[in-house]
Protein backbone atom coordinates (compact mmCIF):
# COMPACT_ATOMS: atom_id res chain seq x y z
CA MET A 1 -65.20 0.41 5.81
CA ALA A 2 -63.61 -1.38 8.91
CA LEU A 3 -59.84 -1.90 9.01
CA PHE A 4 -60.52 -5.48 9.99
CA GLU A 5 -63.72 -8.25 10.18
CA PRO A 6 -64.90 -8.86 13.85
CA SER A 7 -64.13 -12.34 14.84
CA PRO A 8 -66.97 -14.92 15.20
CA TYR A 9 -66.70 -14.24 19.18
CA GLU A 10 -66.92 -10.35 18.76
CA VAL A 11 -70.06 -10.75 16.45
CA LEU A 12 -72.00 -13.15 18.85
CA GLY A 13 -70.35 -11.33 21.93
CA LEU A 14 -69.33 -14.73 23.31
CA ALA A 15 -65.88 -15.82 25.34
CA ARG A 16 -63.58 -18.22 23.61
CA ASP A 17 -64.26 -20.97 26.00
CA ALA A 18 -67.90 -20.72 25.55
CA GLY A 19 -70.24 -24.10 25.27
CA PRO A 20 -72.73 -24.77 23.15
CA ASP A 21 -75.65 -23.60 25.17
CA GLU A 22 -73.87 -20.23 25.53
CA LEU A 23 -73.51 -20.23 21.77
CA ASP A 24 -77.21 -20.93 21.63
CA ALA A 25 -78.25 -17.99 23.73
CA ALA A 26 -75.89 -15.59 22.03
CA LEU A 27 -77.22 -16.27 18.70
CA GLU A 28 -80.62 -15.71 19.27
CA ALA A 29 -79.49 -12.40 21.15
CA ALA A 30 -77.57 -11.32 18.16
CA LEU A 31 -80.01 -12.21 15.97
CA GLU A 32 -82.55 -10.02 17.79
CA ALA A 33 -79.99 -7.35 18.20
CA ALA A 34 -78.75 -7.41 14.56
CA ALA A 35 -81.06 -5.05 13.14
CA GLY A 36 -79.64 -2.26 15.16
CA ARG A 37 -75.87 -2.76 14.69
CA ASP A 38 -74.08 -2.68 11.60
CA VAL A 39 -73.74 -6.70 11.72
CA THR A 40 -76.17 -8.42 9.46
CA VAL A 41 -78.10 -11.77 9.94
CA GLU A 42 -75.86 -13.46 7.59
CA ARG A 43 -72.81 -12.66 9.16
CA VAL A 44 -74.03 -13.60 12.63
CA GLU A 45 -75.35 -17.11 11.18
CA ALA A 46 -71.88 -17.25 9.33
CA ALA A 47 -70.40 -16.66 12.71
CA ALA A 48 -72.28 -18.97 14.52
CA ARG A 49 -71.77 -21.74 11.65
CA VAL A 50 -67.89 -21.41 12.29
CA LEU A 51 -68.45 -21.69 16.06
CA ARG A 52 -70.44 -24.89 15.66
CA ASP A 53 -67.97 -26.79 13.91
CA PRO A 54 -65.10 -27.95 15.91
CA VAL A 55 -62.41 -28.36 13.10
CA ARG A 56 -63.44 -24.86 11.83
CA ARG A 57 -63.30 -23.18 15.62
CA LEU A 58 -59.96 -24.87 16.06
CA GLU A 59 -58.43 -23.34 13.33
CA LEU A 60 -59.75 -19.82 14.28
CA ASP A 61 -58.51 -20.34 17.83
CA VAL A 62 -55.08 -21.29 16.21
CA GLN A 63 -54.90 -18.19 13.89
CA HIS A 64 -56.18 -15.92 16.42
CA LEU A 65 -54.40 -16.48 19.64
CA PRO A 66 -55.38 -14.04 22.59
CA PRO A 67 -52.53 -11.36 23.29
CA PRO A 68 -50.55 -12.26 26.55
CA GLU A 69 -51.55 -10.68 29.65
CA PRO A 70 -49.48 -8.03 30.71
CA VAL A 71 -47.26 -8.34 33.69
CA ASP A 72 -47.41 -5.32 35.93
CA GLU A 73 -44.97 -6.48 38.72
CA ALA A 74 -42.03 -7.19 36.10
CA ALA A 75 -39.98 -4.29 37.37
CA GLU A 76 -40.43 -5.67 40.72
CA LEU A 77 -39.72 -9.17 39.63
CA LEU A 78 -36.57 -8.30 38.03
CA ALA A 79 -35.40 -5.55 40.48
CA PRO A 80 -33.08 -7.95 42.40
CA LEU A 81 -31.70 -8.99 39.20
CA LEU A 82 -31.05 -5.46 38.03
CA ASP A 83 -29.75 -4.18 41.16
CA ALA A 84 -27.15 -6.77 41.61
CA GLU A 85 -23.62 -6.17 40.15
CA LEU A 86 -22.31 -7.59 37.22
CA PRO A 87 -19.61 -10.26 37.50
CA PHE A 88 -17.08 -8.93 34.93
CA PRO A 89 -13.48 -10.23 35.66
CA GLU A 90 -10.62 -7.83 35.94
CA ARG A 91 -8.47 -7.56 32.84
CA ALA A 92 -5.20 -5.91 32.04
CA GLU A 93 -4.83 -3.21 29.82
CA VAL A 94 -3.88 -4.31 26.19
CA THR A 95 -1.44 -2.30 24.32
CA ALA A 96 -0.78 -1.93 20.73
CA GLY A 97 2.66 -3.77 21.14
CA ASP A 98 0.94 -6.75 22.65
CA LEU A 99 -1.41 -7.04 19.58
CA THR A 100 1.22 -6.33 17.34
CA ALA A 101 3.20 -9.70 19.14
CA VAL A 102 0.05 -11.74 18.82
CA HIS A 103 -0.07 -10.82 15.01
CA ARG A 104 3.35 -11.82 14.50
CA ARG A 105 2.88 -15.06 16.12
CA GLU A 106 -0.29 -15.78 13.83
CA LEU A 107 1.62 -14.86 10.97
CA ALA A 108 4.83 -17.29 11.67
CA ALA A 109 2.16 -20.20 12.22
CA ASP A 110 0.20 -19.28 9.22
CA PHE A 111 3.56 -19.19 7.09
CA ALA A 112 5.88 -22.02 8.99
CA GLU A 113 7.35 -24.97 7.13
CA LEU A 114 5.62 -28.16 7.94
CA PRO A 115 7.41 -30.51 9.99
CA PRO A 116 8.70 -33.50 8.36
CA PRO A 117 6.55 -36.71 8.55
CA PRO A 118 7.38 -39.08 11.22
CA ALA A 119 9.32 -42.10 10.51
CA GLY A 120 7.58 -45.06 9.21
CA PHE A 121 4.92 -42.83 7.81
CA PRO A 122 3.83 -43.92 4.32
CA GLY A 123 3.75 -41.21 2.64
CA VAL A 124 1.33 -40.03 -0.44
CA PRO A 125 1.13 -42.64 -3.06
CA GLU A 126 2.64 -41.98 -6.13
CA ARG A 127 -0.29 -41.80 -8.18
CA PHE A 128 -1.65 -39.01 -6.05
CA GLN A 129 1.59 -36.56 -5.97
CA ALA A 130 0.89 -33.35 -7.44
CA ASP A 131 2.48 -32.46 -10.70
CA ALA A 132 1.26 -30.96 -13.96
CA SER A 133 -0.93 -33.75 -14.99
CA VAL A 134 -3.85 -32.51 -13.38
CA LEU A 135 -3.80 -29.16 -14.96
CA PRO A 136 -5.69 -28.35 -18.10
CA PRO A 137 -3.92 -28.09 -21.73
CA PHE A 138 -2.75 -24.37 -21.57
CA GLU A 139 -0.80 -22.62 -24.19
CA PRO A 140 0.92 -19.25 -23.55
CA PRO A 141 0.16 -16.57 -25.76
CA ARG A 142 3.02 -15.49 -28.55
C-alpha cells in the first residue's frame, strides 16, 4: 500500500496549468495505459472529474500548493550582507557595584512616599475613602 495517494495531476500525468484540451488528451492516454499500471480506470476517471470541475480543481490547487523553487544563488545573494561588519556600539564594562547602585535606586523609587497632592486638588471624596466597611465580616478565632 502506498504511503500517499497520487494527486489527480499525477494520475493523468498533467501539469497544473493544463487546459481542457490537454485534459481530454491525457485522459485518453491514461485510460489506455491504465491496464499496465497500478492505477485503475476508476481512479483515472475520478481524477478527470475532479480536474474538470473548476471548484474542486481550485480546492485541490489550494490544498496542494507546489513547493517553492530552490534558490541556488542564495549564498551569492547574501554574501555582501554576511561579509559586512555588524554595527555593535562600544559599551563600557558593567561592574557588580553598578548593578547594585541601579538596584538600590529602583528599590528607593518603589518604596518612596507619594508626594502630597498639589494645592487645590479636590482629593478623594469621602464615600470612596478606604475603610474597614468594604471588608467582609470577620470574627477572629478564640
